[in-house]
Protein backbone atom coordinates (compact mmCIF):
# COMPACT_ATOMS: atom_id res chain seq x y z
CA MET A 1 76.17 76.56 79.03
CA SER A 2 72.88 77.00 80.82
CA ASP A 3 69.65 75.87 79.13
CA ALA A 4 68.46 79.52 79.67
CA VAL A 5 70.36 80.17 76.36
CA ILE A 6 70.37 77.82 73.40
CA THR A 7 72.82 78.03 70.53
CA GLU A 8 72.54 76.44 67.10
CA VAL A 9 75.02 76.58 64.23
CA SER A 10 74.25 76.24 60.56
CA ASN A 11 76.15 77.40 57.44
CA GLY A 12 78.46 79.62 59.39
CA VAL A 13 75.73 81.31 61.40
CA MET A 14 75.26 81.01 65.09
CA THR A 15 71.76 81.51 66.43
CA ILE A 16 71.62 82.48 70.09
CA THR A 17 68.20 82.08 71.68
CA ILE A 18 67.19 83.45 74.99
CA ASN A 19 65.17 80.53 76.39
CA ARG A 20 63.06 81.71 79.33
CA PRO A 21 59.57 81.95 77.78
CA GLU A 22 57.90 81.57 81.18
CA ALA A 23 59.53 84.86 82.14
CA LYS A 24 59.04 86.56 78.74
CA ASN A 25 62.81 85.90 78.22
CA ALA A 26 63.79 88.28 80.98
CA VAL A 27 67.48 88.39 81.57
CA ASN A 28 68.97 86.94 84.74
CA ARG A 29 72.45 85.92 85.50
CA ALA A 30 72.23 82.57 83.73
CA VAL A 31 71.06 84.28 80.49
CA ALA A 32 73.86 86.82 80.78
CA GLN A 33 76.46 84.19 81.12
CA GLY A 34 75.03 82.05 78.34
CA ILE A 35 75.06 85.00 75.91
CA ALA A 36 78.59 85.96 76.94
CA ASP A 37 79.75 82.39 76.38
CA ALA A 38 78.08 82.20 72.99
CA VAL A 39 79.57 85.50 71.82
CA GLU A 40 83.07 84.40 72.75
CA GLU A 41 82.61 81.25 70.71
CA LEU A 42 81.30 83.25 67.76
CA ASP A 43 84.42 85.41 67.73
CA ARG A 44 86.77 82.56 68.49
CA ASN A 45 85.56 80.01 65.87
CA ASP A 46 86.81 80.78 62.37
CA ASP A 47 83.97 78.66 60.89
CA LEU A 48 81.39 81.09 62.19
CA ARG A 49 80.70 84.27 60.24
CA VAL A 50 77.58 85.88 61.75
CA GLY A 51 75.56 85.74 64.90
CA ILE A 52 71.78 86.01 65.41
CA LEU A 53 70.19 86.93 68.76
CA THR A 54 66.53 86.08 69.33
CA GLY A 55 64.13 84.98 72.00
CA ALA A 56 62.04 81.88 72.44
CA ASN A 57 58.26 81.62 71.95
CA ASN A 58 57.61 84.79 69.93
CA THR A 59 59.07 87.27 72.44
CA PHE A 60 62.44 88.78 72.02
CA CYS A 61 63.24 89.96 75.67
CA SER A 62 61.22 91.81 78.24
CA GLY A 63 64.42 93.21 79.94
CA MET A 64 66.00 92.57 83.29
CA ASP A 65 64.46 89.93 85.52
CA LEU A 66 63.01 92.22 88.23
CA LYS A 67 62.38 89.39 90.64
CA ALA A 68 66.03 88.34 90.41
CA PHE A 69 67.14 91.97 90.72
CA VAL A 70 65.18 92.43 93.92
CA SER A 71 66.72 89.25 95.36
CA GLY A 72 70.15 90.69 94.75
CA GLU A 73 71.02 88.85 91.57
CA THR A 74 72.68 90.94 88.82
CA PRO A 75 72.37 90.14 85.09
CA MET A 76 75.78 91.60 84.42
CA ILE A 77 79.05 90.01 83.30
CA GLU A 78 82.27 91.82 84.25
CA GLY A 79 83.76 93.55 81.19
CA LYS A 80 80.69 92.65 79.07
CA GLY A 81 77.83 94.38 80.92
CA PHE A 82 74.16 93.61 80.91
CA GLY A 83 73.23 90.41 79.22
CA GLY A 84 76.81 89.61 78.73
CA LEU A 85 76.77 91.71 75.58
CA VAL A 86 75.95 95.43 75.75
CA GLU A 87 79.46 96.57 76.68
CA ALA A 88 81.28 94.14 74.46
CA PRO A 89 79.44 93.24 71.29
CA PRO A 90 81.17 90.64 69.04
CA VAL A 91 83.77 91.53 66.50
CA LYS A 92 81.69 89.70 63.95
CA PRO A 93 78.28 90.89 62.78
CA MET A 94 75.29 90.30 65.03
CA ILE A 95 71.69 90.47 63.96
CA ALA A 96 68.73 90.78 66.32
CA ALA A 97 65.69 88.85 65.27
CA VAL A 98 62.78 90.49 67.13
CA GLU A 99 59.29 89.01 67.72
CA GLY A 100 56.96 90.62 70.16
CA TYR A 101 58.54 92.77 72.83
CA ALA A 102 62.02 94.19 72.99
CA LEU A 103 61.73 96.30 76.05
CA ALA A 104 64.11 97.84 78.56
CA GLY A 105 67.17 95.62 78.64
CA GLY A 106 65.67 93.72 75.77
CA CYS A 107 65.65 96.86 73.61
CA GLU A 108 69.15 97.55 74.73
CA LEU A 109 70.25 94.12 73.62
CA ALA A 110 68.63 94.67 70.25
CA ILE A 111 70.17 98.06 69.51
CA CYS A 112 73.66 96.88 70.47
CA CYS A 113 73.42 94.46 67.54
CA ASP A 114 74.54 95.60 64.11
CA LEU A 115 71.33 94.86 62.26
CA ILE A 116 67.72 94.30 63.39
CA VAL A 117 64.97 92.27 61.67
CA ALA A 118 61.67 92.71 63.37
CA ALA A 119 58.19 91.10 63.03
CA GLU A 120 55.41 93.54 62.19
CA ASN A 121 53.94 93.10 65.75
CA ALA A 122 57.25 93.94 67.43
CA GLN A 123 57.31 96.65 70.08
CA PHE A 124 60.44 98.63 71.22
CA GLY A 125 60.85 100.76 74.31
CA ILE A 126 62.91 101.72 77.35
CA PRO A 127 60.23 102.03 80.03
CA GLU A 128 62.62 101.88 83.03
CA VAL A 129 61.48 105.31 84.21
CA LYS A 130 58.00 103.72 84.91
CA ARG A 131 59.69 101.54 87.55
CA GLY A 132 61.93 104.36 88.99
CA LEU A 133 64.97 103.01 86.98
CA ALA A 134 66.95 104.29 84.05
CA ALA A 135 68.02 102.62 80.81
CA ALA A 136 71.64 102.15 81.85
CA ALA A 137 72.50 99.24 79.59
CA GLY A 138 73.14 101.51 76.65
CA GLY A 139 69.66 102.83 75.88
CA LEU A 140 70.33 106.35 76.97
CA MET A 141 73.56 106.47 74.98
CA ARG A 142 72.87 104.36 71.84
CA LEU A 143 69.34 105.44 71.05
CA PRO A 144 70.28 109.13 70.47
CA ARG A 145 72.85 107.84 67.95
CA GLN A 146 70.43 105.58 66.21
CA LEU A 147 67.31 107.78 66.38
CA PRO A 148 66.63 111.49 66.07
CA PRO A 149 67.66 112.84 69.55
CA ARG A 150 64.24 114.28 70.38
CA VAL A 151 62.59 110.91 69.65
CA ALA A 152 65.19 109.16 71.94
CA MET A 153 64.56 111.78 74.57
CA GLU A 154 60.70 111.09 74.33
CA LEU A 155 61.19 107.40 74.66
CA ALA A 156 63.56 107.78 77.63
CA LEU A 157 61.35 110.23 79.59
CA THR A 158 57.91 108.81 78.83
CA GLY A 159 58.74 105.06 78.84
CA ASP A 160 56.34 104.74 75.84
CA PHE A 161 56.87 102.05 73.10
CA ILE A 162 57.19 102.41 69.37
CA ASP A 163 56.05 99.64 66.92
CA ALA A 164 58.12 98.12 64.15
CA GLY A 165 56.65 100.37 61.45
CA ARG A 166 57.69 103.55 63.20
CA ALA A 167 61.00 102.00 64.26
CA GLN A 168 61.80 101.30 60.64
CA SER A 169 60.70 104.71 59.44
CA LEU A 170 63.10 106.26 61.95
CA GLY A 171 65.91 104.03 60.92
CA LEU A 172 66.22 101.97 64.02
CA ILE A 173 65.57 98.63 62.32
CA ASN A 174 66.50 97.24 58.87
CA GLN A 175 63.59 95.13 57.91
CA VAL A 176 59.90 94.43 58.97
CA VAL A 177 58.65 91.00 58.25
CA ALA A 178 55.46 89.01 58.90
CA ALA A 179 54.76 88.01 62.50
CA GLY A 180 56.47 84.69 63.24
CA SER A 181 59.15 85.13 60.56
CA ALA A 182 61.73 87.37 62.13
CA LEU A 183 64.29 84.61 62.65
CA GLU A 184 63.78 83.44 59.04
CA GLY A 185 64.37 86.96 57.79
CA ALA A 186 67.44 87.28 59.98
CA HIS A 187 68.81 84.08 58.50
CA ARG A 188 68.28 85.38 54.99
CA LEU A 189 70.26 88.49 55.87
CA ALA A 190 72.87 86.53 57.63
CA ALA A 191 73.31 84.26 54.57
CA LYS A 192 74.14 87.37 52.43
CA ILE A 193 76.74 88.49 54.95
CA ALA A 194 78.24 84.99 55.34
CA ALA A 195 78.70 84.69 51.56
CA ASN A 196 81.20 87.64 51.70
CA GLY A 197 84.84 87.76 52.55
CA PRO A 198 85.00 87.27 56.33
CA LEU A 199 88.04 89.52 56.86
CA ALA A 200 86.53 92.31 54.68
CA VAL A 201 83.23 91.97 56.69
CA ARG A 202 84.88 92.20 60.13
CA CYS A 203 87.05 95.16 59.10
CA SER A 204 84.21 96.97 57.53
CA LYS A 205 82.17 96.62 60.72
CA GLN A 206 85.16 97.76 62.77
CA VAL A 207 85.65 100.97 60.78
CA ILE A 208 81.88 101.84 60.95
CA VAL A 209 81.78 101.33 64.67
CA GLU A 210 85.06 103.01 65.64
CA SER A 211 84.84 105.90 63.19
CA GLN A 212 81.90 107.46 65.07
CA ASN A 213 84.56 109.00 67.35
CA TRP A 214 87.29 109.80 64.80
CA ASP A 215 88.44 113.35 64.06
CA THR A 216 87.84 114.32 60.44
CA ASP A 217 91.51 115.21 59.81
CA ALA A 218 92.66 111.75 60.86
CA MET A 219 89.85 109.54 59.73
CA PHE A 220 91.35 108.23 56.53
CA GLU A 221 94.68 107.47 58.20
CA ARG A 222 92.84 105.54 60.92
CA GLN A 223 90.74 103.74 58.40
CA MET A 224 93.69 102.61 56.37
CA ALA A 225 95.39 101.22 59.49
CA ILE A 226 92.46 98.82 59.73
CA LEU A 227 91.75 98.12 56.04
CA GLU A 228 95.32 97.78 54.71
CA LYS A 229 95.49 94.14 55.62
CA ILE A 230 92.41 93.46 53.47
CA PHE A 231 94.11 94.76 50.31
CA ARG A 232 97.10 92.60 50.94
CA SER A 233 95.13 89.46 51.85
CA GLU A 234 94.63 86.13 50.05
CA ASP A 235 90.92 86.76 50.04
CA ALA A 236 91.32 89.97 47.98
CA ILE A 237 93.26 87.99 45.27
CA GLU A 238 90.69 85.16 45.49
CA GLY A 239 87.70 87.59 45.18
CA ALA A 240 89.11 89.24 42.00
CA THR A 241 90.13 85.83 40.50
CA ALA A 242 86.67 84.37 41.18
CA PHE A 243 85.02 87.30 39.61
CA ALA A 244 87.20 87.02 36.48
CA GLU A 245 86.59 83.31 36.31
CA LYS A 246 82.81 83.75 36.97
CA ARG A 247 82.69 81.42 39.99
CA ALA A 248 81.93 81.74 43.62
CA PRO A 249 84.99 82.64 45.77
CA VAL A 250 86.40 80.29 48.24
CA TRP A 251 87.33 82.47 51.25
CA LYS A 252 90.20 81.66 53.70
CA GLY A 253 89.65 84.68 56.00
CA ARG A 254 93.21 85.82 55.52
């Protein structure tokens, strides 16, 4: 894995750090491949429960590396899209820990995560139109689902930014924390998730993601096709037993 992306594992949580501070963590091919490799390991390794995506040196990500783009390099991975992530997020939960700027492709990386913890000085935006480009890495499609559509339209057409306070008030992010503590906040949130039944967590995420496109008359049937295995699992018995015995459950993920 390239040193453009650093991974660390602790207590079932994988932290994936974009490590190009000299370029404000702009995404080039090496970053895209590094994130893709890390996400594959996150989903493959049963000891890992949650992923956190962040950026080095108090900046999340300034978007696509325009110098690399002009030279013909593409920050895409086949089947996974921009940054090795936006078209194929992990099966397991992913939290974005945002300090400073999450702009253009950086914003698109953040909003493809399941949860966002942002520093109070964070800024979000899709300013691609200011460069004659468009937010093709999910911004034009995901933002109208995560924000009021007119706000998403305003951001897409003006290229203006919004701060963490407004982003939280609009429901785009989960938590606002003090500057410099976004990663710490993300780890606290990840610890809560990692303490829960891993099968139940994965299936709950799957239903929430996939049900956005389900027809009302079929939604409960489709949900049960996913959740049935939870209620027949060893973890379900362990969870109930641990509750009755007033102890912490020991999950097996099956």
